Amino acid sequence: MTVVKDCTGTYLRIHGKDFKVCNLGKLSSVPAGATVTATLKKIDNCKSLDDRFFCMMFHENEGWVEIVKLK
């Protein structure tokens, strides 16, 4: 998986599809463009980031995920 970071948030790109990461702390020290191995859990929404403003840019994604395990 490739780490993608922009003003809209942090994503993990898998086979050309981006998944928005809810628990950002797991990737705080990982630079954009890095390749990681992670176990993910798809979630319906991200309560910890609901009120957080990122930017007015749209980033197409496949929904929220939480990182369960990161290598």
C-alpha atoms as a PDB file:
ATOM      1  CA  MET A   1       0.000   0.000   0.000  1.00  0.00           C
ATOM      2  CA  THR A   2       1.188   3.498  -0.761  1.00  0.00           C
ATOM      3  CA  VAL A   3       0.724   6.346   1.712  1.00  0.00           C
ATOM      4  CA  VAL A   4      -0.956   9.388   0.141  1.00  0.00           C
ATOM      5  CA  LYS A   5      -1.139  12.669   2.050  1.00  0.00           C
ATOM      6  CA  ASP A   6      -2.693  15.935   0.928  1.00  0.00           C
ATOM      7  CA  CYS A   7      -4.727  18.740   2.448  1.00  0.00           C
ATOM      8  CA  THR A   8      -7.857  16.545   2.440  1.00  0.00           C
ATOM      9  CA  GLY A   9      -6.339  13.869   4.686  1.00  0.00           C
ATOM     10  CA  THR A  10      -4.246  10.727   4.701  1.00  0.00           C
ATOM     11  CA  TYR A  11      -5.021   7.748   2.497  1.00  0.00           C
ATOM     12  CA  LEU A  12      -3.740   4.270   1.744  1.00  0.00           C
ATOM     13  CA  ARG A  13      -3.722   3.500  -1.993  1.00  0.00           C
ATOM     14  CA  ILE A  14      -4.406  -0.123  -2.868  1.00  0.00           C
ATOM     15  CA  HIS A  15      -4.612  -1.203  -6.526  1.00  0.00           C
ATOM     16  CA  GLY A  16      -5.325   2.380  -7.629  1.00  0.00           C
ATOM     17  CA  LYS A  17      -8.062   3.014  -5.044  1.00  0.00           C
ATOM     18  CA  ASP A  18      -7.612   5.353  -2.075  1.00  0.00           C
ATOM     19  CA  PHE A  19      -8.978   4.592   1.390  1.00  0.00           C
ATOM     20  CA  LYS A  20      -9.160   7.465   3.890  1.00  0.00           C
ATOM     21  CA  VAL A  21      -7.377   6.687   7.176  1.00  0.00           C
ATOM     22  CA  CYS A  22      -9.221   7.533  10.410  1.00  0.00           C
ATOM     23  CA  ASN A  23      -6.477   6.805  12.964  1.00  0.00           C
ATOM     24  CA  LEU A  24      -3.878   9.209  11.560  1.00  0.00           C
ATOM     25  CA  GLY A  25      -1.425   8.672  14.422  1.00  0.00           C
ATOM     26  CA  LYS A  26      -0.432   5.317  12.945  1.00  0.00           C
ATOM     27  CA  LEU A  27       0.999   7.090   9.889  1.00  0.00           C
ATOM     28  CA  SER A  28       2.188  10.372  11.429  1.00  0.00           C
ATOM     29  CA  SER A  29       5.875   9.492  11.019  1.00  0.00           C
ATOM     30  CA  VAL A  30       5.461   7.797   7.624  1.00  0.00           C
ATOM     31  CA  PRO A  31       6.132  10.124   4.664  1.00  0.00           C
ATOM     32  CA  ALA A  32       3.827  10.455   1.675  1.00  0.00           C
ATOM     33  CA  GLY A  33       4.838   8.056  -1.072  1.00  0.00           C
ATOM     34  CA  ALA A  34       6.129   5.414   1.343  1.00  0.00           C
ATOM     35  CA  THR A  35       5.061   1.806   0.887  1.00  0.00           C
ATOM     36  CA  VAL A  36       3.651   0.030   3.948  1.00  0.00           C
ATOM     37  CA  THR A  37       2.040  -3.273   4.779  1.00  0.00           C
ATOM     38  CA  ALA A  38      -1.108  -2.871   6.851  1.00  0.00           C
ATOM     39  CA  THR A  39      -4.180  -4.736   7.980  1.00  0.00           C
ATOM     40  CA  LEU A  40      -7.272  -2.565   7.591  1.00  0.00           C
ATOM     41  CA  LYS A  41     -10.815  -2.531   8.899  1.00  0.00           C
ATOM     42  CA  LYS A  42     -13.442  -0.720   6.812  1.00  0.00           C
ATOM     43  CA  ILE A  43     -15.609   1.601   8.936  1.00  0.00           C
ATOM     44  CA  ASP A  44     -18.728   3.658   8.179  1.00  0.00           C
ATOM     45  CA  ASN A  45     -17.436   6.989   9.490  1.00  0.00           C
ATOM     46  CA  CYS A  46     -14.642   8.543  11.502  1.00  0.00           C
ATOM     47  CA  LYS A  47     -15.983  10.240  14.614  1.00  0.00           C
ATOM     48  CA  SER A  48     -12.550  11.449  15.723  1.00  0.00           C
ATOM     49  CA  LEU A  49     -12.130  13.469  12.505  1.00  0.00           C
ATOM     50  CA  ASP A  50     -15.762  14.454  11.757  1.00  0.00           C
ATOM     51  CA  ASP A  51     -15.308  18.091  12.799  1.00  0.00           C
ATOM     52  CA  ARG A  52     -11.774  18.507  11.526  1.00  0.00           C
ATOM     53  CA  PHE A  53     -11.333  20.894   8.603  1.00  0.00           C
ATOM     54  CA  PHE A  54      -8.893  19.790   5.936  1.00  0.00           C
ATOM     55  CA  CYS A  55      -9.397  21.890   2.782  1.00  0.00           C
ATOM     56  CA  MET A  56     -11.923  22.563   0.063  1.00  0.00           C
ATOM     57  CA  MET A  57     -10.290  20.163  -2.398  1.00  0.00           C
ATOM     58  CA  PHE A  58     -12.123  16.910  -3.221  1.00  0.00           C
ATOM     59  CA  HIS A  59     -10.181  13.631  -3.055  1.00  0.00           C
ATOM     60  CA  GLU A  60     -12.103  10.682  -4.493  1.00  0.00           C
ATOM     61  CA  ASN A  61     -11.874   7.710  -2.149  1.00  0.00           C
ATOM     62  CA  GLU A  62     -13.449   4.383  -1.301  1.00  0.00           C
ATOM     63  CA  GLY A  63     -14.438   5.289   2.277  1.00  0.00           C
ATOM     64  CA  TRP A  64     -12.951   5.261   5.766  1.00  0.00           C
ATOM     65  CA  VAL A  65     -10.620   2.615   7.180  1.00  0.00           C
ATOM     66  CA  GLU A  66      -8.822   2.098  10.473  1.00  0.00           C
ATOM     67  CA  ILE A  67      -5.350   0.620  10.512  1.00  0.00           C
ATOM     68  CA  VAL A  68      -5.396  -2.480  12.704  1.00  0.00           C
ATOM     69  CA  LYS A  69      -1.765  -3.502  12.150  1.00  0.00           C
ATOM     70  CA  LEU A  70       1.117  -1.713  10.432  1.00  0.00           C
ATOM     71  CA  LYS A  71       4.540  -2.980   9.392  1.00  0.00           C
END
